[in-house]
Amino acid sequence: LARPAVAYRPPPVRRAVEAVEARPEHP
């Protein structure tokens, strides 16, 4: 949330971020 440019992220970035946020422990 505190990162710069959080107001807009294109869909591919959002999908990758969602994957990481959901399971950061995944290899």
PDB file of all heavy atoms in Angstrom:
ATOM      1  N   LEU A   1       0.825  -1.209   0.000  1.00  0.00           N
ATOM      2  CA  LEU A   1       0.000   0.000   0.000  1.00  0.00           C
ATOM      3  C   LEU A   1       0.857   1.256   0.000  1.00  0.00           C
ATOM      4  O   LEU A   1       0.500   2.266  -0.615  1.00  0.00           O
ATOM      5  CB  LEU A   1      -0.914  -0.008   1.228  1.00  0.00           C
ATOM      6  CG  LEU A   1      -1.900   1.156   1.362  1.00  0.00           C
ATOM      7  CD1 LEU A   1      -2.904   1.133   0.219  1.00  0.00           C
ATOM      8  CD2 LEU A   1      -2.607   1.082   2.704  1.00  0.00           C
ATOM      9  N   ALA A   2       1.985   1.205   0.679  1.00  0.00           N
ATOM     10  CA  ALA A   2       2.835   2.387   0.820  1.00  0.00           C
ATOM     11  C   ALA A   2       3.780   2.594  -0.366  1.00  0.00           C
ATOM     12  O   ALA A   2       4.452   3.625  -0.442  1.00  0.00           O
ATOM     13  CB  ALA A   2       3.658   2.284   2.105  1.00  0.00           C
ATOM     14  N   ARG A   3       3.813   1.655  -1.297  1.00  0.00           N
ATOM     15  CA  ARG A   3       4.722   1.791  -2.425  1.00  0.00           C
ATOM     16  C   ARG A   3       4.285   2.928  -3.349  1.00  0.00           C
ATOM     17  O   ARG A   3       3.101   3.183  -3.520  1.00  0.00           O
ATOM     18  CB  ARG A   3       4.772   0.495  -3.241  1.00  0.00           C
ATOM     19  CG  ARG A   3       5.414  -0.665  -2.521  1.00  0.00           C
ATOM     20  CD  ARG A   3       5.378  -1.889  -3.417  1.00  0.00           C
ATOM     21  NE  ARG A   3       5.792  -3.071  -2.682  1.00  0.00           N
ATOM     22  CZ  ARG A   3       7.047  -3.428  -2.487  1.00  0.00           C
ATOM     23  NH1 ARG A   3       8.010  -2.693  -3.000  1.00  0.00           N
ATOM     24  NH2 ARG A   3       7.344  -4.511  -1.808  1.00  0.00           N
ATOM     25  N   PRO A   4       5.239   3.589  -4.000  1.00  0.00           N
ATOM     26  CA  PRO A   4       4.877   4.601  -4.999  1.00  0.00           C
ATOM     27  C   PRO A   4       4.109   3.965  -6.155  1.00  0.00           C
ATOM     28  O   PRO A   4       4.248   2.781  -6.452  1.00  0.00           O
ATOM     29  CB  PRO A   4       6.240   5.127  -5.484  1.00  0.00           C
ATOM     30  CG  PRO A   4       7.206   4.752  -4.405  1.00  0.00           C
ATOM     31  CD  PRO A   4       6.684   3.480  -3.801  1.00  0.00           C
ATOM     32  N   ALA A   5       3.292   4.763  -6.802  1.00  0.00           N
ATOM     33  CA  ALA A   5       2.529   4.352  -7.989  1.00  0.00           C
ATOM     34  C   ALA A   5       1.561   3.225  -7.713  1.00  0.00           C
ATOM     35  O   ALA A   5       1.197   2.471  -8.599  1.00  0.00           O
ATOM     36  CB  ALA A   5       3.472   3.942  -9.126  1.00  0.00           C
ATOM     37  N   VAL A   6       1.103   3.124  -6.428  1.00  0.00           N
ATOM     38  CA  VAL A   6       0.148   2.065  -6.117  1.00  0.00           C
ATOM     39  C   VAL A   6      -1.231   2.358  -6.695  1.00  0.00           C
ATOM     40  O   VAL A   6      -2.071   1.481  -6.785  1.00  0.00           O
ATOM     41  CB  VAL A   6       0.062   1.882  -4.586  1.00  0.00           C
ATOM     42  CG1 VAL A   6      -0.696   3.031  -3.934  1.00  0.00           C
ATOM     43  CG2 VAL A   6      -0.602   0.545  -4.231  1.00  0.00           C
ATOM     44  N   ALA A   7      -1.460   3.615  -7.113  1.00  0.00           N
ATOM     45  CA  ALA A   7      -2.786   3.989  -7.600  1.00  0.00           C
ATOM     46  C   ALA A   7      -3.160   3.231  -8.873  1.00  0.00           C
ATOM     47  O   ALA A   7      -4.328   2.983  -9.128  1.00  0.00           O
ATOM     48  CB  ALA A   7      -2.849   5.487  -7.850  1.00  0.00           C
ATOM     49  N   TYR A   8      -2.175   2.879  -9.697  1.00  0.00           N
ATOM     50  CA  TYR A   8      -2.503   2.149 -10.912  1.00  0.00           C
ATOM     51  C   TYR A   8      -1.457   1.079 -11.173  1.00  0.00           C
ATOM     52  O   TYR A   8      -0.247   1.338 -11.120  1.00  0.00           O
ATOM     53  CB  TYR A   8      -2.568   3.071 -12.131  1.00  0.00           C
ATOM     54  CG  TYR A   8      -2.761   2.279 -13.405  1.00  0.00           C
ATOM     55  CD1 TYR A   8      -3.996   1.710 -13.704  1.00  0.00           C
ATOM     56  CD2 TYR A   8      -1.692   2.041 -14.267  1.00  0.00           C
ATOM     57  CE1 TYR A   8      -4.168   0.949 -14.842  1.00  0.00           C
ATOM     58  CE2 TYR A   8      -1.863   1.285 -15.415  1.00  0.00           C
ATOM     59  CZ  TYR A   8      -3.102   0.737 -15.702  1.00  0.00           C
ATOM     60  OH  TYR A   8      -3.264  -0.038 -16.811  1.00  0.00           O
ATOM     61  N   ARG A   9      -1.944  -0.105 -11.479  1.00  0.00           N
ATOM     62  CA  ARG A   9      -1.079  -1.204 -11.906  1.00  0.00           C
ATOM     63  C   ARG A   9      -1.797  -1.928 -13.029  1.00  0.00           C
ATOM     64  O   ARG A   9      -2.980  -2.269 -12.891  1.00  0.00           O
ATOM     65  CB  ARG A   9      -0.820  -2.175 -10.764  1.00  0.00           C
ATOM     66  CG  ARG A   9      -0.003  -1.594  -9.616  1.00  0.00           C
ATOM     67  CD  ARG A   9       0.041  -2.543  -8.454  1.00  0.00           C
ATOM     68  NE  ARG A   9       0.812  -1.986  -7.348  1.00  0.00           N
ATOM     69  CZ  ARG A   9       0.896  -2.553  -6.156  1.00  0.00           C
ATOM     70  NH1 ARG A   9       0.278  -3.695  -5.916  1.00  0.00           N
ATOM     71  NH2 ARG A   9       1.619  -1.990  -5.198  1.00  0.00           N
ATOM     72  N   PRO A  10      -1.122  -2.197 -14.129  1.00  0.00           N
ATOM     73  CA  PRO A  10      -1.776  -2.912 -15.221  1.00  0.00           C
ATOM     74  C   PRO A  10      -2.117  -4.332 -14.782  1.00  0.00           C
ATOM     75  O   PRO A  10      -1.517  -4.876 -13.846  1.00  0.00           O
ATOM     76  CB  PRO A  10      -0.724  -2.893 -16.337  1.00  0.00           C
ATOM     77  CG  PRO A  10       0.579  -2.680 -15.639  1.00  0.00           C
ATOM     78  CD  PRO A  10       0.271  -1.846 -14.432  1.00  0.00           C
ATOM     79  N   PRO A  11      -3.066  -4.962 -15.461  1.00  0.00           N
ATOM     80  CA  PRO A  11      -3.532  -6.306 -15.054  1.00  0.00           C
ATOM     81  C   PRO A  11      -2.432  -7.335 -14.852  1.00  0.00           C
ATOM     82  O   PRO A  11      -2.484  -8.079 -13.868  1.00  0.00           O
ATOM     83  CB  PRO A  11      -4.503  -6.691 -16.180  1.00  0.00           C
ATOM     84  CG  PRO A  11      -5.036  -5.382 -16.663  1.00  0.00           C
ATOM     85  CD  PRO A  11      -3.886  -4.424 -16.569  1.00  0.00           C
ATOM     86  N   PRO A  12      -1.410  -7.431 -15.723  1.00  0.00           N
ATOM     87  CA  PRO A  12      -0.379  -8.444 -15.463  1.00  0.00           C
ATOM     88  C   PRO A  12       0.345  -8.230 -14.139  1.00  0.00           C
ATOM     89  O   PRO A  12       0.654  -9.199 -13.429  1.00  0.00           O
ATOM     90  CB  PRO A  12       0.576  -8.280 -16.657  1.00  0.00           C
ATOM     91  CG  PRO A  12      -0.261  -7.684 -17.735  1.00  0.00           C
ATOM     92  CD  PRO A  12      -1.196  -6.762 -17.031  1.00  0.00           C
ATOM     93  N   VAL A  13       0.623  -6.953 -13.799  1.00  0.00           N
ATOM     94  CA  VAL A  13       1.282  -6.675 -12.523  1.00  0.00           C
ATOM     95  C   VAL A  13       0.355  -7.032 -11.373  1.00  0.00           C
ATOM     96  O   VAL A  13       0.785  -7.630 -10.376  1.00  0.00           O
ATOM     97  CB  VAL A  13       1.716  -5.191 -12.449  1.00  0.00           C
ATOM     98  CG1 VAL A  13       2.267  -4.868 -11.066  1.00  0.00           C
ATOM     99  CG2 VAL A  13       2.755  -4.895 -13.520  1.00  0.00           C
ATOM    100  N   ARG A  14      -0.912  -6.689 -11.495  1.00  0.00           N
ATOM    101  CA  ARG A  14      -1.868  -7.007 -10.428  1.00  0.00           C
ATOM    102  C   ARG A  14      -1.958  -8.511 -10.208  1.00  0.00           C
ATOM    103  O   ARG A  14      -2.006  -8.979  -9.073  1.00  0.00           O
ATOM    104  CB  ARG A  14      -3.251  -6.441 -10.755  1.00  0.00           C
ATOM    105  CG  ARG A  14      -3.323  -4.929 -10.688  1.00  0.00           C
ATOM    106  CD  ARG A  14      -4.748  -4.469 -10.447  1.00  0.00           C
ATOM    107  NE  ARG A  14      -5.688  -4.967 -11.437  1.00  0.00           N
ATOM    108  CZ  ARG A  14      -5.998  -4.339 -12.561  1.00  0.00           C
ATOM    109  NH1 ARG A  14      -5.428  -3.177 -12.853  1.00  0.00           N
ATOM    110  NH2 ARG A  14      -6.882  -4.851 -13.410  1.00  0.00           N
ATOM    111  N   ARG A  15      -1.977  -9.268 -11.306  1.00  0.00           N
ATOM    112  CA  ARG A  15      -2.075 -10.730 -11.166  1.00  0.00           C
ATOM    113  C   ARG A  15      -0.844 -11.292 -10.474  1.00  0.00           C
ATOM    114  O   ARG A  15      -0.948 -12.187  -9.618  1.00  0.00           O
ATOM    115  CB  ARG A  15      -2.284 -11.367 -12.544  1.00  0.00           C
ATOM    116  CG  ARG A  15      -3.675 -11.131 -13.119  1.00  0.00           C
ATOM    117  CD  ARG A  15      -3.939 -12.029 -14.318  1.00  0.00           C
ATOM    118  NE  ARG A  15      -3.162 -11.612 -15.491  1.00  0.00           N
ATOM    119  CZ  ARG A  15      -3.592 -10.786 -16.426  1.00  0.00           C
ATOM    120  NH1 ARG A  15      -4.812 -10.249 -16.324  1.00  0.00           N
ATOM    121  NH2 ARG A  15      -2.838 -10.481 -17.474  1.00  0.00           N
ATOM    122  N   ALA A  16       0.326 -10.807 -10.835  1.00  0.00           N
ATOM    123  CA  ALA A  16       1.551 -11.289 -10.190  1.00  0.00           C
ATOM    124  C   ALA A  16       1.583 -10.889  -8.718  1.00  0.00           C
ATOM    125  O   ALA A  16       1.961 -11.694  -7.849  1.00  0.00           O
ATOM    126  CB  ALA A  16       2.770 -10.735 -10.921  1.00  0.00           C
ATOM    127  N   VAL A  17       1.196  -9.651  -8.424  1.00  0.00           N
ATOM    128  CA  VAL A  17       1.176  -9.179  -7.031  1.00  0.00           C
ATOM    129  C   VAL A  17       0.188  -9.991  -6.206  1.00  0.00           C
ATOM    130  O   VAL A  17       0.480 -10.379  -5.061  1.00  0.00           O
ATOM    131  CB  VAL A  17       0.830  -7.675  -6.985  1.00  0.00           C
ATOM    132  CG1 VAL A  17       0.453  -7.250  -5.574  1.00  0.00           C
ATOM    133  CG2 VAL A  17       2.005  -6.851  -7.489  1.00  0.00           C
ATOM    134  N   GLU A  18      -0.982 -10.270  -6.756  1.00  0.00           N
ATOM    135  CA  GLU A  18      -1.970 -11.081  -6.031  1.00  0.00           C
ATOM    136  C   GLU A  18      -1.405 -12.453  -5.705  1.00  0.00           C
ATOM    137  O   GLU A  18      -1.622 -12.980  -4.610  1.00  0.00           O
ATOM    138  CB  GLU A  18      -3.244 -11.222  -6.869  1.00  0.00           C
ATOM    139  CG  GLU A  18      -4.101  -9.978  -6.909  1.00  0.00           C
ATOM    140  CD  GLU A  18      -5.372 -10.199  -7.706  1.00  0.00           C
ATOM    141  OE1 GLU A  18      -5.784 -11.370  -7.889  1.00  0.00           O
ATOM    142  OE2 GLU A  18      -5.956  -9.206  -8.165  1.00  0.00           O
ATOM    143  N   ALA A  19      -0.693 -13.052  -6.643  1.00  0.00           N
ATOM    144  CA  ALA A  19      -0.115 -14.377  -6.411  1.00  0.00           C
ATOM    145  C   ALA A  19       0.897 -14.332  -5.275  1.00  0.00           C
ATOM    146  O   ALA A  19       0.920 -15.213  -4.403  1.00  0.00           O
ATOM    147  CB  ALA A  19       0.535 -14.894  -7.692  1.00  0.00           C
ATOM    148  N   VAL A  20       1.723 -13.296  -5.265  1.00  0.00           N
ATOM    149  CA  VAL A  20       2.744 -13.178  -4.222  1.00  0.00           C
ATOM    150  C   VAL A  20       2.108 -12.876  -2.869  1.00  0.00           C
ATOM    151  O   VAL A  20       2.474 -13.482  -1.850  1.00  0.00           O
ATOM    152  CB  VAL A  20       3.763 -12.082  -4.593  1.00  0.00           C
ATOM    153  CG1 VAL A  20       4.746 -11.867  -3.444  1.00  0.00           C
ATOM    154  CG2 VAL A  20       4.508 -12.452  -5.867  1.00  0.00           C
ATOM    155  N   GLU A  21       1.168 -11.956  -2.837  1.00  0.00           N
ATOM    156  CA  GLU A  21       0.533 -11.585  -1.575  1.00  0.00           C
ATOM    157  C   GLU A  21      -0.241 -12.758  -0.977  1.00  0.00           C
ATOM    158  O   GLU A  21      -0.312 -12.915   0.243  1.00  0.00           O
ATOM    159  CB  GLU A  21      -0.419 -10.396  -1.781  1.00  0.00           C
ATOM    160  CG  GLU A  21       0.250  -9.109  -2.206  1.00  0.00           C
ATOM    161  CD  GLU A  21       0.937  -8.398  -1.064  1.00  0.00           C
ATOM    162  OE1 GLU A  21       0.772  -8.825   0.087  1.00  0.00           O
ATOM    163  OE2 GLU A  21       1.647  -7.410  -1.330  1.00  0.00           O
ATOM    164  N   ALA A  22      -0.810 -13.599  -1.830  1.00  0.00           N
ATOM    165  CA  ALA A  22      -1.597 -14.739  -1.341  1.00  0.00           C
ATOM    166  C   ALA A  22      -0.706 -15.827  -0.754  1.00  0.00           C
ATOM    167  O   ALA A  22      -1.071 -16.461   0.247  1.00  0.00           O
ATOM    168  CB  ALA A  22      -2.442 -15.319  -2.480  1.00  0.00           C
ATOM    169  N   ARG A  23       0.482 -16.056  -1.372  1.00  0.00           N
ATOM    170  CA  ARG A  23       1.371 -17.132  -0.910  1.00  0.00           C
ATOM    171  C   ARG A  23       2.827 -16.698  -1.008  1.00  0.00           C
ATOM    172  O   ARG A  23       3.577 -17.231  -1.833  1.00  0.00           O
ATOM    173  CB  ARG A  23       1.148 -18.402  -1.730  1.00  0.00           C
ATOM    174  CG  ARG A  23      -0.198 -19.081  -1.538  1.00  0.00           C
ATOM    175  CD  ARG A  23      -0.173 -20.475  -2.148  1.00  0.00           C
ATOM    176  NE  ARG A  23       0.149 -20.436  -3.575  1.00  0.00           N
ATOM    177  CZ  ARG A  23       0.626 -21.471  -4.260  1.00  0.00           C
ATOM    178  NH1 ARG A  23       0.880 -22.612  -3.656  1.00  0.00           N
ATOM    179  NH2 ARG A  23       0.875 -21.369  -5.558  1.00  0.00           N
ATOM    180  N   PRO A  24       3.273 -15.768  -0.195  1.00  0.00           N
ATOM    181  CA  PRO A  24       4.668 -15.309  -0.314  1.00  0.00           C
ATOM    182  C   PRO A  24       5.688 -16.396  -0.010  1.00  0.00           C
ATOM    183  O   PRO A  24       6.840 -16.304  -0.430  1.00  0.00           O
ATOM    184  CB  PRO A  24       4.745 -14.166   0.696  1.00  0.00           C
ATOM    185  CG  PRO A  24       3.616 -14.386   1.636  1.00  0.00           C
ATOM    186  CD  PRO A  24       2.537 -15.036   0.832  1.00  0.00           C
ATOM    187  N   GLU A  25       5.276 -17.433   0.735  1.00  0.00           N
ATOM    188  CA  GLU A  25       6.204 -18.510   1.073  1.00  0.00           C
ATOM    189  C   GLU A  25       6.426 -19.481  -0.085  1.00  0.00           C
ATOM    190  O   GLU A  25       7.331 -20.329  -0.036  1.00  0.00           O
ATOM    191  CB  GLU A  25       5.680 -19.267   2.293  1.00  0.00           C
ATOM    192  CG  GLU A  25       4.479 -20.184   2.044  1.00  0.00           C
ATOM    193  CD  GLU A  25       3.148 -19.450   1.945  1.00  0.00           C
ATOM    194  OE1 GLU A  25       3.142 -18.203   2.016  1.00  0.00           O
ATOM    195  OE2 GLU A  25       2.107 -20.132   1.801  1.00  0.00           O
ATOM    196  N   HIS A  26       5.625 -19.378  -1.136  1.00  0.00           N
ATOM    197  CA  HIS A  26       5.742 -20.286  -2.281  1.00  0.00           C
ATOM    198  C   HIS A  26       7.099 -20.088  -2.975  1.00  0.00           C
ATOM    199  O   HIS A  26       7.604 -18.979  -3.062  1.00  0.00           O
ATOM    200  CB  HIS A  26       4.611 -19.998  -3.276  1.00  0.00           C
ATOM    201  CG  HIS A  26       4.608 -20.892  -4.464  1.00  0.00           C
ATOM    202  ND1 HIS A  26       4.200 -22.201  -4.414  1.00  0.00           N
ATOM    203  CD2 HIS A  26       4.984 -20.653  -5.763  1.00  0.00           C
ATOM    204  CE1 HIS A  26       4.308 -22.745  -5.611  1.00  0.00           C
ATOM    205  NE2 HIS A  26       4.778 -21.839  -6.446  1.00  0.00           N
ATOM    206  N   PRO A  27       7.718 -21.157  -3.468  1.00  0.00           N
ATOM    207  CA  PRO A  27       9.025 -21.028  -4.146  1.00  0.00           C
ATOM    208  C   PRO A  27       8.877 -20.426  -5.547  1.00  0.00           C
ATOM    209  O   PRO A  27       9.039 -21.108  -6.567  1.00  0.00           O
ATOM    210  CB  PRO A  27       9.532 -22.471  -4.194  1.00  0.00           C
ATOM    211  CG  PRO A  27       8.303 -23.315  -4.171  1.00  0.00           C
ATOM    212  CD  PRO A  27       7.330 -22.577  -3.296  1.00  0.00           C
TER     213      PRO A  27
END
